[in-house]
Amino acid sequence: MYKVFVNEKKLLLSKQSENLEKTLRYENVTSLEIALDLLENTSVKELNVFGENLDEIWAEFQKLFRIIEAAGGIVSNPEQDILFIRRLGKWDLPKGKMEKGESREESAVREIEEETGLKDVELKKFINTTYHIYVERNGEKILKCTHWFDMNFKGEDTSKPQIEEGITEVAWKNVSQIESEVFPNTFRNIELIIKEFWSSSIK
């Protein structure tokens, strides 16, 4: 199952039909183009394309875009607060595009250090990958795949925002602050990965 966000609307690609606002059985790539058109140009807020061969559906879907890979992290301190950045008025997790020759892990650590000013962040394990679609100024459609890692930080807090990247604030948030301040003013992918991180931490 793949969850892809299109302008904060959810496109779910799955093997079985899911109970969403609208469902489409996958016939061929046209099914995917219709789904994207509905999400981009109508009031439909969530849509499910389903078919038995999910690998084929995902492969055809990726062909519609230029793919950009990014990596980032959910960084926790000893108090279990999570590190957030504020950019363009929204709360976000530190992340960025992978550079040529970098592993996902190397990219995630580098981006966190660059965007937040923290040093010696400890990478623990991979959490999951989130997907969202956006359009470049030249009209090119991008599928951004962001690989997220669980990370720890125990050192001296040297955090400071990377102003040149449009980041205006770096802040540690506890669970209640995340639910009351961050979730109402962040992206659905960010809420999704944090909730997945919380549920995996409880197990």
Protein backbone atom coordinates (compact mmCIF):
# COMPACT_ATOMS: atom_id res chain seq x y z
CA MET A 1 0.00 0.00 0.00
CA TYR A 2 1.30 3.47 -0.92
CA LYS A 3 -0.01 6.78 0.43
CA VAL A 4 0.81 9.74 -1.80
CA PHE A 5 -0.24 13.31 -1.01
CA VAL A 6 -1.33 15.59 -3.84
CA ASN A 7 -1.83 19.16 -2.56
CA GLU A 8 -2.49 17.65 0.90
CA LYS A 9 -5.12 15.31 -0.59
CA LYS A 10 -4.58 11.56 -0.17
CA LEU A 11 -4.09 9.11 -3.03
CA LEU A 12 -3.99 5.52 -1.79
CA LEU A 13 -2.63 2.80 -4.06
CA SER A 14 -3.60 -0.66 -2.78
CA LYS A 15 -4.38 -4.26 -3.73
CA GLN A 16 -7.92 -4.23 -2.32
CA SER A 17 -10.56 -1.53 -2.48
CA GLU A 18 -10.38 0.75 0.57
CA ASN A 19 -13.25 2.71 2.07
CA LEU A 20 -12.32 6.19 0.85
CA GLU A 21 -14.38 9.03 -0.62
CA LYS A 22 -13.75 7.73 -4.17
CA THR A 23 -12.35 4.45 -5.53
CA LEU A 24 -11.09 3.46 -8.98
CA ARG A 25 -10.17 -0.03 -10.14
CA TYR A 26 -6.79 0.01 -11.90
CA GLU A 27 -7.09 -0.84 -15.59
CA ASN A 28 -4.00 0.86 -17.00
CA VAL A 29 -2.02 4.07 -16.62
CA THR A 30 -5.11 6.08 -17.63
CA SER A 31 -6.68 5.10 -14.29
CA LEU A 32 -3.82 6.85 -12.51
CA GLU A 33 -4.07 9.94 -14.72
CA ILE A 34 -7.81 10.17 -14.00
CA ALA A 35 -7.14 9.83 -10.26
CA LEU A 36 -4.56 12.63 -10.30
CA ASP A 37 -6.87 14.88 -12.33
CA LEU A 38 -9.70 14.36 -9.84
CA LEU A 39 -7.46 15.22 -6.89
CA GLU A 40 -5.88 18.23 -8.59
CA ASN A 41 -8.97 19.75 -10.19
CA THR A 42 -12.08 18.74 -8.21
CA SER A 43 -13.26 18.82 -4.62
CA VAL A 44 -12.38 15.12 -4.07
CA LYS A 45 -10.15 14.96 -0.98
CA GLU A 46 -9.16 11.29 -0.94
CA LEU A 47 -9.07 8.63 -3.61
CA ASN A 48 -8.13 4.95 -3.79
CA VAL A 49 -6.78 3.22 -6.91
CA PHE A 50 -6.73 -0.53 -6.38
CA GLY A 51 -5.63 -3.59 -8.30
CA GLU A 52 -4.11 -6.99 -7.60
CA ASN A 53 -0.68 -6.20 -9.02
CA LEU A 54 0.41 -3.36 -6.74
CA ASP A 55 4.03 -3.50 -7.95
CA GLU A 56 2.86 -2.84 -11.51
CA ILE A 57 0.58 0.01 -10.38
CA TRP A 58 3.43 1.65 -8.44
CA ALA A 59 5.88 1.22 -11.33
CA GLU A 60 3.44 2.84 -13.79
CA PHE A 61 2.68 5.62 -11.31
CA GLN A 62 6.35 6.51 -10.89
CA LYS A 63 6.77 6.84 -14.66
CA LEU A 64 4.43 9.86 -14.60
CA PHE A 65 6.95 11.92 -12.62
CA ARG A 66 10.53 12.93 -12.16
CA ILE A 67 11.53 11.32 -8.88
CA ILE A 68 13.46 13.25 -6.23
CA GLU A 69 14.74 11.37 -3.21
CA ALA A 70 15.17 13.09 0.14
CA ALA A 71 16.01 12.00 3.67
CA GLY A 72 15.34 13.33 7.12
CA GLY A 73 14.80 12.38 10.71
CA ILE A 74 12.67 12.38 13.80
CA VAL A 75 15.23 13.51 16.35
CA SER A 76 14.43 12.82 20.02
CA ASN A 77 16.26 14.17 23.08
CA PRO A 78 16.53 12.36 26.46
CA GLU A 79 13.16 13.86 27.50
CA GLN A 80 11.60 12.33 24.35
CA ASP A 81 10.86 15.77 22.87
CA ILE A 82 11.03 15.90 19.05
CA LEU A 83 13.00 18.46 17.05
CA PHE A 84 11.05 20.60 14.57
CA ILE A 85 11.90 23.39 12.17
CA ARG A 86 9.60 26.23 11.11
CA ARG A 87 9.65 27.21 7.45
CA LEU A 88 7.19 29.35 5.47
CA GLY A 89 4.99 29.55 8.56
CA LYS A 90 4.59 25.77 8.91
CA TRP A 91 6.16 23.27 11.29
CA ASP A 92 8.22 20.60 9.56
CA LEU A 93 10.81 17.94 10.32
CA PRO A 94 14.40 18.52 9.17
CA LYS A 95 14.99 16.87 5.80
CA GLY A 96 16.42 17.57 2.37
CA LYS A 97 17.40 16.22 -1.03
CA MET A 98 19.94 13.44 -1.20
CA GLU A 99 23.21 14.33 -2.90
CA LYS A 100 24.83 12.16 -5.55
CA GLY A 101 26.69 9.23 -4.03
CA GLU A 102 25.16 9.65 -0.59
CA SER A 103 23.36 6.88 1.26
CA ARG A 104 19.95 7.62 2.76
CA GLU A 105 21.51 7.52 6.23
CA GLU A 106 24.34 9.92 5.35
CA SER A 107 21.89 12.30 3.73
CA ALA A 108 19.54 12.29 6.74
CA VAL A 109 22.33 13.07 9.22
CA ARG A 110 23.82 15.81 6.98
CA GLU A 111 20.47 17.52 6.43
CA ILE A 112 19.65 17.55 10.14
CA GLU A 113 23.04 19.00 11.02
CA GLU A 114 22.76 21.65 8.28
CA GLU A 115 19.16 22.70 8.95
CA THR A 116 19.23 22.65 12.76
CA GLY A 117 22.88 23.23 13.71
CA LEU A 118 23.00 20.08 15.87
CA LYS A 119 26.15 17.95 15.83
CA ASP A 120 26.68 14.25 16.62
CA VAL A 121 23.13 13.13 15.98
CA GLU A 122 22.84 9.36 16.47
CA LEU A 123 20.97 7.48 13.77
CA LYS A 124 19.03 4.50 15.15
CA LYS A 125 16.82 2.92 12.49
CA PHE A 126 14.74 3.49 9.36
CA ILE A 127 11.07 4.33 9.99
CA ASN A 128 9.38 4.59 6.58
CA THR A 129 9.17 6.56 3.32
CA THR A 130 6.56 9.24 2.64
CA TYR A 131 5.49 10.48 -0.80
CA HIS A 132 4.11 13.73 -2.10
CA ILE A 133 3.65 15.36 -5.48
CA TYR A 134 4.34 18.92 -6.50
CA VAL A 135 4.79 20.87 -9.72
CA GLU A 136 7.93 22.82 -10.60
CA ARG A 137 7.67 26.32 -12.04
CA ASN A 138 8.37 24.88 -15.50
CA GLY A 139 5.32 22.60 -15.15
CA GLU A 140 7.32 19.42 -14.51
CA LYS A 141 5.61 17.06 -12.06
CA ILE A 142 7.77 15.77 -9.22
CA LEU A 143 7.25 12.74 -6.98
CA LYS A 144 9.24 13.39 -3.82
CA CYS A 145 10.16 10.30 -1.81
CA THR A 146 11.39 11.17 1.68
CA HIS A 147 13.11 8.45 3.72
CA TRP A 148 12.71 8.97 7.47
CA PHE A 149 14.95 7.77 10.28
CA ASP A 150 14.60 7.50 14.04
CA MET A 151 17.43 9.52 15.63
CA ASN A 152 18.70 10.41 19.09
CA PHE A 153 20.46 13.51 20.34
CA LYS A 154 22.17 13.63 23.74
CA GLY A 155 24.80 16.34 23.35
CA GLU A 156 24.92 20.07 23.97
CA ASP A 157 22.00 21.82 22.30
CA THR A 158 23.64 23.98 19.61
CA SER A 159 20.48 24.22 17.53
CA LYS A 160 19.98 27.26 15.33
CA PRO A 161 17.87 27.71 12.18
CA GLN A 162 19.49 27.62 8.72
CA ILE A 163 18.23 31.06 7.71
CA GLU A 164 19.46 30.78 4.10
CA GLU A 165 17.11 27.81 3.63
CA GLY A 166 14.13 29.84 4.83
CA ILE A 167 14.06 28.24 8.28
CA THR A 168 13.01 30.75 10.92
CA GLU A 169 12.95 28.60 14.06
CA VAL A 170 14.22 25.33 15.53
CA ALA A 171 12.30 24.01 18.54
CA TRP A 172 11.91 20.91 20.69
CA LYS A 173 8.25 19.92 21.19
CA ASN A 174 6.71 17.45 23.64
CA VAL A 175 3.69 15.26 22.84
CA SER A 176 1.05 17.75 23.95
CA GLN A 177 2.75 20.61 22.05
CA ILE A 178 2.97 18.45 18.93
CA GLU A 179 -0.74 17.66 19.10
CA SER A 180 -1.86 21.22 19.91
CA GLU A 181 0.68 23.35 17.99
CA VAL A 182 2.36 21.25 15.30
CA PHE A 183 -0.40 19.02 13.90
CA PRO A 184 -2.80 21.92 13.14
CA ASN A 185 -0.01 23.70 11.23
CA THR A 186 2.01 21.06 9.38
CA PHE A 187 1.79 18.78 6.35
CA ARG A 188 -0.20 15.55 6.36
CA ASN A 189 2.93 13.53 5.56
CA ILE A 190 4.61 14.92 8.68
CA GLU A 191 1.66 14.04 10.90
CA LEU A 192 1.58 10.58 9.30
CA ILE A 193 5.25 9.78 9.95
CA ILE A 194 5.17 11.11 13.53
CA LYS A 195 2.13 8.98 14.39
CA GLU A 196 3.83 5.96 12.82
CA PHE A 197 6.96 6.69 14.87
CA TRP A 198 4.89 6.96 18.06
CA SER A 199 3.08 3.69 17.39
CA SER A 200 6.36 1.85 16.67
CA SER A 201 7.93 3.30 19.84
CA ILE A 202 5.14 1.92 22.01
CA LYS A 203 5.58 -1.65 20.75
